[in-house]
């Protein structure tokens, strides 16, 4: 970064205006004009330095705005992906829950079928035993006659 001091050195001047001894022997108007001329130079250099700093600052601002815009676009992309992922997860979780409900209902029905089958089997065995006993009794009655 250029400074006011560098600007003076470039022009072969000192940072403060030093006037030769003859300056003080000149008239008041000439001395004031030369002082004024020196201040104009200092003012111009200060203004130049401020413009340079402003330009550098503007470059930094533009760079940061570009980075901000890039990050904003990335955030928007990631937000879009996140929304799609959340939607997909919501649908898949709903389907999984439906699977869970169907599996639970099927298992419950299966257990009921097993219990009913066991009851039916026990009833058939009991009826078969009763029929066997009735048949044996009928055969005994037939043999006794």
N, C-alpha and C. Protein backbone atom coordinates (compact mmCIF):
# COMPACT_ATOMS: atom_id res chain seq x y z
N UNK A 1 0.85 -1.18 0.00
CA UNK A 1 0.00 0.00 0.00
C UNK A 1 0.89 1.23 0.00
N UNK A 2 0.57 2.15 -0.85
CA UNK A 2 1.34 3.39 -0.92
C UNK A 2 0.90 4.29 0.23
N UNK A 3 1.86 5.00 0.73
CA UNK A 3 1.54 5.95 1.79
C UNK A 3 1.91 7.34 1.33
N UNK A 4 1.49 8.29 2.11
CA UNK A 4 1.81 9.68 1.82
C UNK A 4 3.32 9.88 1.79
N UNK A 5 4.01 9.26 2.72
CA UNK A 5 5.46 9.38 2.80
C UNK A 5 6.10 8.83 1.52
N UNK A 6 5.60 7.68 1.02
CA UNK A 6 6.12 7.13 -0.23
C UNK A 6 5.89 8.08 -1.39
N UNK A 7 4.74 8.71 -1.40
CA UNK A 7 4.43 9.64 -2.49
C UNK A 7 5.41 10.81 -2.48
N UNK A 8 5.72 11.33 -1.30
CA UNK A 8 6.69 12.43 -1.22
C UNK A 8 8.06 11.97 -1.66
N UNK A 9 8.46 10.79 -1.27
CA UNK A 9 9.78 10.29 -1.65
C UNK A 9 9.87 10.13 -3.16
N UNK A 10 8.78 9.68 -3.77
CA UNK A 10 8.78 9.52 -5.21
C UNK A 10 9.03 10.86 -5.91
N UNK A 11 8.52 11.90 -5.32
CA UNK A 11 8.68 13.21 -5.94
C UNK A 11 9.93 13.92 -5.45
N UNK A 12 10.70 13.24 -4.65
CA UNK A 12 11.94 13.82 -4.16
C UNK A 12 11.70 14.87 -3.10
N UNK A 13 10.56 14.88 -2.47
CA UNK A 13 10.24 15.87 -1.45
C UNK A 13 10.34 15.22 -0.07
N UNK A 14 10.33 16.04 0.94
CA UNK A 14 10.24 15.54 2.31
C UNK A 14 8.78 15.58 2.70
N UNK A 15 8.45 14.85 3.74
CA UNK A 15 7.06 14.78 4.16
C UNK A 15 6.56 16.14 4.60
N UNK A 16 7.37 16.88 5.31
CA UNK A 16 6.95 18.24 5.66
C UNK A 16 7.64 19.19 4.70
N UNK A 17 7.02 20.30 4.47
CA UNK A 17 7.60 21.27 3.53
C UNK A 17 8.63 22.10 4.28
N UNK A 18 9.83 21.96 3.86
CA UNK A 18 10.85 22.83 4.47
C UNK A 18 11.27 23.83 3.41
N UNK A 19 11.29 25.04 3.79
CA UNK A 19 11.60 26.11 2.85
C UNK A 19 13.02 26.61 3.11
N UNK A 20 13.70 27.01 2.07
CA UNK A 20 15.05 27.56 2.27
C UNK A 20 14.99 28.88 3.03
N UNK A 21 16.12 29.28 3.53
CA UNK A 21 16.21 30.51 4.32
C UNK A 21 15.71 31.71 3.52
N UNK A 22 15.98 31.75 2.21
CA UNK A 22 15.55 32.88 1.40
C UNK A 22 14.03 33.05 1.46
N UNK A 23 13.35 31.97 1.72
CA UNK A 23 11.88 32.03 1.77
C UNK A 23 11.41 33.03 2.81
N UNK A 24 12.06 33.03 3.93
CA UNK A 24 11.63 33.91 5.01
C UNK A 24 11.92 35.38 4.72
N UNK A 25 12.82 35.64 3.77
CA UNK A 25 13.14 37.02 3.42
C UNK A 25 12.16 37.56 2.39
N UNK A 26 11.39 36.66 1.78
CA UNK A 26 10.44 37.10 0.77
C UNK A 26 9.23 37.74 1.44
N UNK A 27 8.39 38.21 0.60
CA UNK A 27 7.21 38.89 1.12
C UNK A 27 6.24 37.90 1.77
N UNK A 28 5.39 38.45 2.55
CA UNK A 28 4.37 37.67 3.24
C UNK A 28 3.50 36.93 2.25
N UNK A 29 3.09 37.55 1.17
CA UNK A 29 2.22 36.93 0.16
C UNK A 29 2.92 35.77 -0.50
N UNK A 30 4.18 35.97 -0.87
CA UNK A 30 4.94 34.90 -1.52
C UNK A 30 5.09 33.73 -0.56
N UNK A 31 5.44 34.04 0.69
CA UNK A 31 5.59 32.96 1.68
C UNK A 31 4.28 32.20 1.85
N UNK A 32 3.18 32.92 1.97
CA UNK A 32 1.89 32.25 2.14
C UNK A 32 1.52 31.43 0.90
N UNK A 33 1.84 31.97 -0.28
CA UNK A 33 1.56 31.24 -1.51
C UNK A 33 2.36 29.94 -1.54
N UNK A 34 3.65 30.02 -1.17
CA UNK A 34 4.47 28.81 -1.17
C UNK A 34 3.97 27.81 -0.13
N UNK A 35 3.56 28.31 1.03
CA UNK A 35 2.98 27.41 2.04
C UNK A 35 1.71 26.78 1.50
N UNK A 36 0.90 27.63 0.85
CA UNK A 36 -0.35 27.14 0.28
C UNK A 36 -0.06 26.08 -0.77
N UNK A 37 0.95 26.33 -1.59
CA UNK A 37 1.34 25.38 -2.63
C UNK A 37 1.77 24.06 -1.99
N UNK A 38 2.52 24.16 -0.90
CA UNK A 38 2.95 22.96 -0.18
C UNK A 38 1.75 22.21 0.38
N UNK A 39 0.80 22.92 0.93
CA UNK A 39 -0.40 22.28 1.50
C UNK A 39 -1.26 21.66 0.40
N UNK A 40 -1.29 22.31 -0.75
CA UNK A 40 -2.04 21.72 -1.87
C UNK A 40 -1.41 20.39 -2.26
N UNK A 41 -0.09 20.36 -2.29
CA UNK A 41 0.61 19.12 -2.61
C UNK A 41 0.30 18.05 -1.57
N UNK A 42 0.39 18.42 -0.31
CA UNK A 42 0.08 17.46 0.76
C UNK A 42 -1.37 17.00 0.64
N UNK A 43 -2.27 17.95 0.44
CA UNK A 43 -3.68 17.62 0.29
C UNK A 43 -3.89 16.66 -0.88
N UNK A 44 -3.25 16.94 -2.01
CA UNK A 44 -3.39 16.09 -3.19
C UNK A 44 -2.89 14.69 -2.91
N UNK A 45 -1.75 14.61 -2.24
CA UNK A 45 -1.19 13.30 -1.92
C UNK A 45 -2.08 12.54 -0.94
N UNK A 46 -2.61 13.25 0.04
CA UNK A 46 -3.53 12.61 0.99
C UNK A 46 -4.77 12.10 0.26
N UNK A 47 -5.29 12.93 -0.62
CA UNK A 47 -6.47 12.54 -1.39
C UNK A 47 -6.16 11.33 -2.25
N UNK A 48 -4.98 11.32 -2.88
CA UNK A 48 -4.56 10.18 -3.69
C UNK A 48 -4.48 8.92 -2.83
N UNK A 49 -3.89 9.07 -1.64
CA UNK A 49 -3.77 7.92 -0.75
C UNK A 49 -5.14 7.41 -0.33
N UNK A 50 -6.07 8.32 -0.02
CA UNK A 50 -7.42 7.90 0.35
C UNK A 50 -8.11 7.18 -0.80
N UNK A 51 -7.92 7.68 -2.02
CA UNK A 51 -8.51 7.03 -3.18
C UNK A 51 -7.92 5.63 -3.37
N UNK A 52 -6.60 5.52 -3.16
CA UNK A 52 -5.95 4.23 -3.28
C UNK A 52 -6.50 3.25 -2.23
N UNK A 53 -6.60 3.71 -1.00
CA UNK A 53 -7.16 2.86 0.06
C UNK A 53 -8.60 2.48 -0.25
N UNK A 54 -9.37 3.44 -0.78
CA UNK A 54 -10.76 3.15 -1.13
C UNK A 54 -10.81 2.09 -2.23
N UNK A 55 -9.93 2.21 -3.23
CA UNK A 55 -9.88 1.24 -4.32
C UNK A 55 -9.54 -0.14 -3.79
N UNK A 56 -8.56 -0.20 -2.90
CA UNK A 56 -8.19 -1.49 -2.29
C UNK A 56 -9.34 -2.05 -1.48
N UNK A 57 -10.00 -1.18 -0.72
CA UNK A 57 -11.16 -1.60 0.07
C UNK A 57 -12.28 -2.09 -0.84
N UNK A 58 -12.51 -1.39 -1.94
CA UNK A 58 -13.54 -1.79 -2.90
C UNK A 58 -13.23 -3.17 -3.46
N UNK A 59 -11.96 -3.43 -3.75
CA UNK A 59 -11.56 -4.75 -4.25
C UNK A 59 -11.84 -5.83 -3.21
N UNK A 60 -11.55 -5.54 -1.95
CA UNK A 60 -11.85 -6.48 -0.87
C UNK A 60 -13.35 -6.70 -0.75
N UNK A 61 -14.12 -5.62 -0.84
CA UNK A 61 -15.58 -5.72 -0.75
C UNK A 61 -16.11 -6.59 -1.88
N UNK A 62 -15.65 -6.34 -3.10
CA UNK A 62 -16.11 -7.13 -4.24
C UNK A 62 -15.74 -8.59 -4.08
N UNK A 63 -14.54 -8.85 -3.59
CA UNK A 63 -14.10 -10.23 -3.37
C UNK A 63 -14.99 -10.91 -2.33
N UNK A 64 -15.26 -10.21 -1.24
CA UNK A 64 -16.10 -10.79 -0.19
C UNK A 64 -17.54 -10.95 -0.66
N UNK A 65 -18.03 -10.01 -1.46
CA UNK A 65 -19.39 -10.15 -1.99
C UNK A 65 -19.48 -11.34 -2.93
N UNK A 66 -18.43 -11.54 -3.72
CA UNK A 66 -18.39 -12.70 -4.61
C UNK A 66 -18.39 -13.99 -3.79
N UNK A 67 -17.58 -14.02 -2.74
CA UNK A 67 -17.55 -15.20 -1.87
C UNK A 67 -18.90 -15.41 -1.20
N UNK A 68 -19.50 -14.31 -0.74
CA UNK A 68 -20.83 -14.39 -0.11
C UNK A 68 -21.86 -14.95 -1.08
N UNK A 69 -21.85 -14.45 -2.32
CA UNK A 69 -22.79 -14.95 -3.33
C UNK A 69 -22.56 -16.42 -3.62
N UNK A 70 -21.27 -16.81 -3.70
CA UNK A 70 -20.95 -18.22 -3.93
C UNK A 70 -21.49 -19.08 -2.79
N UNK A 71 -21.23 -18.63 -1.56
CA UNK A 71 -21.72 -19.38 -0.40
C UNK A 71 -23.25 -19.43 -0.37
N UNK A 72 -23.89 -18.32 -0.75
CA UNK A 72 -25.35 -18.28 -0.78
C UNK A 72 -25.89 -19.30 -1.79
N UNK A 73 -25.24 -19.37 -2.96
CA UNK A 73 -25.66 -20.36 -3.96
C UNK A 73 -25.46 -21.78 -3.43
N UNK A 74 -24.34 -22.01 -2.76
CA UNK A 74 -24.08 -23.33 -2.19
C UNK A 74 -25.13 -23.67 -1.14
N UNK A 75 -25.47 -22.69 -0.30
CA UNK A 75 -26.50 -22.90 0.73
C UNK A 75 -27.83 -23.24 0.08
N UNK A 76 -28.18 -22.52 -1.00
CA UNK A 76 -29.43 -22.80 -1.70
C UNK A 76 -29.42 -24.21 -2.28
N UNK A 77 -28.29 -24.61 -2.88
CA UNK A 77 -28.19 -25.97 -3.42
C UNK A 77 -28.35 -27.00 -2.31
N UNK A 78 -27.63 -26.78 -1.20
CA UNK A 78 -27.70 -27.72 -0.09
C UNK A 78 -29.09 -27.74 0.53
N UNK A 79 -29.73 -26.59 0.61
CA UNK A 79 -31.10 -26.53 1.14
C UNK A 79 -32.05 -27.32 0.25
N UNK A 80 -31.87 -27.17 -1.06
CA UNK A 80 -32.71 -27.91 -2.00
C UNK A 80 -32.49 -29.41 -1.83
N UNK A 81 -31.22 -29.82 -1.75
CA UNK A 81 -30.91 -31.24 -1.54
C UNK A 81 -31.49 -31.74 -0.22
N UNK A 82 -31.37 -30.93 0.82
CA UNK A 82 -31.90 -31.31 2.13
C UNK A 82 -33.41 -31.46 2.07
N UNK A 83 -34.09 -30.56 1.38
CA UNK A 83 -35.54 -30.66 1.24
C UNK A 83 -35.92 -31.94 0.51
N UNK A 84 -35.23 -32.22 -0.59
CA UNK A 84 -35.51 -33.46 -1.34
C UNK A 84 -35.25 -34.68 -0.48
N UNK A 85 -34.16 -34.67 0.27
CA UNK A 85 -33.82 -35.79 1.13
C UNK A 85 -34.87 -35.97 2.22
N UNK A 86 -35.31 -34.87 2.83
CA UNK A 86 -36.35 -34.95 3.85
C UNK A 86 -37.65 -35.50 3.27
N UNK A 87 -38.02 -35.05 2.07
CA UNK A 87 -39.23 -35.57 1.42
C UNK A 87 -39.11 -37.06 1.18
N UNK A 88 -37.96 -37.47 0.67
CA UNK A 88 -37.72 -38.89 0.40
C UNK A 88 -37.79 -39.70 1.69
N UNK A 89 -37.14 -39.18 2.73
CA UNK A 89 -37.18 -39.88 4.02
C UNK A 89 -38.60 -39.98 4.57
N UNK A 90 -39.36 -38.92 4.45
CA UNK A 90 -40.74 -38.92 4.93
C UNK A 90 -41.54 -40.01 4.23
N UNK A 91 -41.40 -40.09 2.91
CA UNK A 91 -42.13 -41.11 2.14
C UNK A 91 -41.67 -42.51 2.53
N UNK A 92 -40.37 -42.70 2.63
CA UNK A 92 -39.84 -44.02 2.97
C UNK A 92 -40.23 -44.44 4.39
N UNK A 93 -40.23 -43.50 5.31
CA UNK A 93 -40.64 -43.81 6.68
C UNK A 93 -42.12 -44.18 6.71
N UNK A 94 -42.94 -43.49 5.91
CA UNK A 94 -44.37 -43.82 5.84
C UNK A 94 -44.56 -45.23 5.29
N UNK A 95 -43.80 -45.58 4.25
CA UNK A 95 -43.89 -46.93 3.68
C UNK A 95 -43.41 -47.96 4.70
N UNK A 96 -42.30 -47.65 5.39
CA UNK A 96 -41.79 -48.58 6.41
C UNK A 96 -42.82 -48.79 7.51
N UNK A 97 -43.46 -47.71 7.93
CA UNK A 97 -44.50 -47.83 8.96
C UNK A 97 -45.67 -48.67 8.47
N UNK A 98 -46.00 -48.53 7.19
CA UNK A 98 -47.06 -49.37 6.60
C UNK A 98 -46.63 -50.83 6.59
N UNK A 99 -45.34 -51.09 6.25
CA UNK A 99 -44.81 -52.46 6.34
C UNK A 99 -44.94 -52.98 7.77
N UNK A 100 -44.53 -52.16 8.74
CA UNK A 100 -44.61 -52.57 10.15
C UNK A 100 -46.04 -52.93 10.53
N UNK A 101 -47.01 -52.08 10.11
CA UNK A 101 -48.41 -52.33 10.44
C UNK A 101 -48.89 -53.62 9.77
N UNK A 102 -48.53 -53.81 8.50
CA UNK A 102 -48.94 -55.00 7.77
C UNK A 102 -48.32 -56.25 8.39
N UNK A 103 -47.04 -56.17 8.74
CA UNK A 103 -46.36 -57.31 9.37
C UNK A 103 -47.02 -57.64 10.70
N UNK A 104 -47.28 -56.61 11.51
CA UNK A 104 -47.92 -56.83 12.81
C UNK A 104 -49.30 -57.45 12.63
N UNK A 105 -50.10 -56.90 11.71
CA UNK A 105 -51.44 -57.46 11.46
C UNK A 105 -51.35 -58.90 10.98
N UNK A 106 -50.40 -59.17 10.08
CA UNK A 106 -50.23 -60.53 9.56
C UNK A 106 -49.79 -61.49 10.65
N UNK A 107 -48.83 -61.06 11.49
CA UNK A 107 -48.39 -61.92 12.59
C UNK A 107 -49.53 -62.20 13.56
N UNK A 108 -50.32 -61.17 13.86
CA UNK A 108 -51.46 -61.34 14.76
C UNK A 108 -52.46 -62.33 14.16
N UNK A 109 -52.75 -62.16 12.87
CA UNK A 109 -53.68 -63.07 12.20
C UNK A 109 -53.10 -64.48 12.17
N UNK A 110 -51.79 -64.59 11.93
CA UNK A 110 -51.14 -65.90 11.89
C UNK A 110 -51.24 -66.59 13.25
N UNK A 111 -50.99 -65.84 14.33
CA UNK A 111 -51.10 -66.40 15.68
C UNK A 111 -52.53 -66.86 15.92
N UNK A 112 -53.51 -66.06 15.50
CA UNK A 112 -54.92 -66.45 15.68
C UNK A 112 -55.23 -67.71 14.87
N UNK A 113 -54.67 -67.79 13.65
CA UNK A 113 -54.88 -68.99 12.83
C UNK A 113 -54.26 -70.19 13.51
N UNK A 114 -53.04 -70.03 14.08
CA UNK A 114 -52.39 -71.14 14.79
C UNK A 114 -53.23 -71.57 15.99
N UNK A 115 -53.71 -70.58 16.75
CA UNK A 115 -54.53 -70.90 17.92
C UNK A 115 -55.82 -71.60 17.49
N UNK A 116 -56.44 -71.07 16.44
CA UNK A 116 -57.68 -71.69 15.93
C UNK A 116 -57.40 -73.09 15.40
N UNK A 117 -56.27 -73.23 14.70
CA UNK A 117 -55.89 -74.55 14.18
C UNK A 117 -55.66 -75.53 15.32
N UNK A 118 -55.02 -75.06 16.38
CA UNK A 118 -54.77 -75.91 17.54
C UNK A 118 -56.10 -76.32 18.19
N UNK A 119 -57.00 -75.35 18.33
CA UNK A 119 -58.33 -75.65 18.89
C UNK A 119 -59.07 -76.64 17.99
N UNK A 120 -59.00 -76.41 16.68
CA UNK A 120 -59.66 -77.31 15.74
C UNK A 120 -59.05 -78.70 15.81
N UNK A 121 -57.72 -78.77 15.89
CA UNK A 121 -57.04 -80.06 15.99
C UNK A 121 -57.44 -80.78 17.27
N UNK A 122 -57.47 -80.03 18.39
CA UNK A 122 -57.89 -80.64 19.66
C UNK A 122 -59.33 -81.12 19.58
N UNK A 123 -60.20 -80.33 18.94
CA UNK A 123 -61.60 -80.71 18.81
C UNK A 123 -61.73 -81.95 17.93
N UNK A 124 -60.95 -82.00 16.84
CA UNK A 124 -61.00 -83.16 15.95
C UNK A 124 -60.50 -84.40 16.68
N UNK A 125 -59.41 -84.25 17.44
CA UNK A 125 -58.90 -85.40 18.21
C UNK A 125 -59.94 -85.88 19.21
N UNK A 126 -60.59 -84.93 19.89
CA UNK A 126 -61.61 -85.29 20.88
C UNK A 126 -62.79 -85.98 20.18
N UNK A 127 -63.22 -85.42 19.05
CA UNK A 127 -64.33 -86.04 18.31
C UNK A 127 -63.93 -87.40 17.78
N UNK A 128 -62.67 -87.50 17.30
CA UNK A 128 -62.20 -88.80 16.80
C UNK A 128 -62.17 -89.81 17.92
N UNK A 129 -61.71 -89.37 19.08
CA UNK A 129 -61.68 -90.27 20.24
C UNK A 129 -63.10 -90.67 20.62
N UNK A 130 -64.02 -89.71 20.64
CA UNK A 130 -65.42 -90.00 20.96
C UNK A 130 -66.01 -90.96 19.94
N UNK A 131 -65.71 -90.72 18.65
CA UNK A 131 -66.23 -91.61 17.62
C UNK A 131 -65.63 -93.00 17.76
N UNK A 132 -64.31 -93.05 18.06
CA UNK A 132 -63.67 -94.35 18.27
C UNK A 132 -64.32 -95.08 19.44
N UNK A 133 -64.57 -94.33 20.52
CA UNK A 133 -65.19 -94.95 21.69
C UNK A 133 -66.61 -95.41 21.36
N UNK A 134 -67.32 -94.61 20.57
CA UNK A 134 -68.68 -95.00 20.18
C UNK A 134 -68.62 -96.22 19.29
N UNK A 135 -67.65 -96.27 18.38
CA UNK A 135 -67.50 -97.42 17.49
C UNK A 135 -67.13 -98.67 18.27
N UNK A 136 -66.22 -98.52 19.22
CA UNK A 136 -65.81 -99.65 20.05
C UNK A 136 -67.00 -100.14 20.86
N UNK A 137 -67.76 -99.21 21.40
CA UNK A 137 -68.93 -99.56 22.19
C UNK A 137 -69.96 -100.24 21.31
N UNK A 138 -70.12 -99.74 20.09
CA UNK A 138 -71.08 -100.35 19.17
C UNK A 138 -70.61 -101.75 18.79
N UNK A 139 -69.31 -101.91 18.57
CA UNK A 139 -68.78 -103.23 18.25
C UNK A 139 -68.94 -104.18 19.43
N UNK A 140 -68.79 -103.71 20.62
CA UNK A 140 -68.95 -104.54 21.81
C UNK A 140 -70.41 -104.93 21.98
N UNK A 141 -71.27 -103.99 21.72
CA UNK A 141 -72.70 -104.29 21.83
C UNK A 141 -73.08 -105.30 20.75
N UNK A 142 -72.51 -105.21 19.61
CA UNK A 142 -72.81 -106.12 18.53
C UNK A 142 -72.27 -107.50 18.84
N UNK A 143 -71.13 -107.58 19.47
CA UNK A 143 -70.54 -108.86 19.81
C UNK A 143 -71.31 -109.48 20.97
N UNK A 144 -71.89 -108.75 21.80
CA UNK A 144 -72.64 -109.27 22.94
C UNK A 144 -74.01 -109.74 22.47
N UNK A 145 -74.45 -109.37 21.45
CA UNK A 145 -75.77 -109.77 20.99
C UNK A 145 -75.70 -111.03 20.28
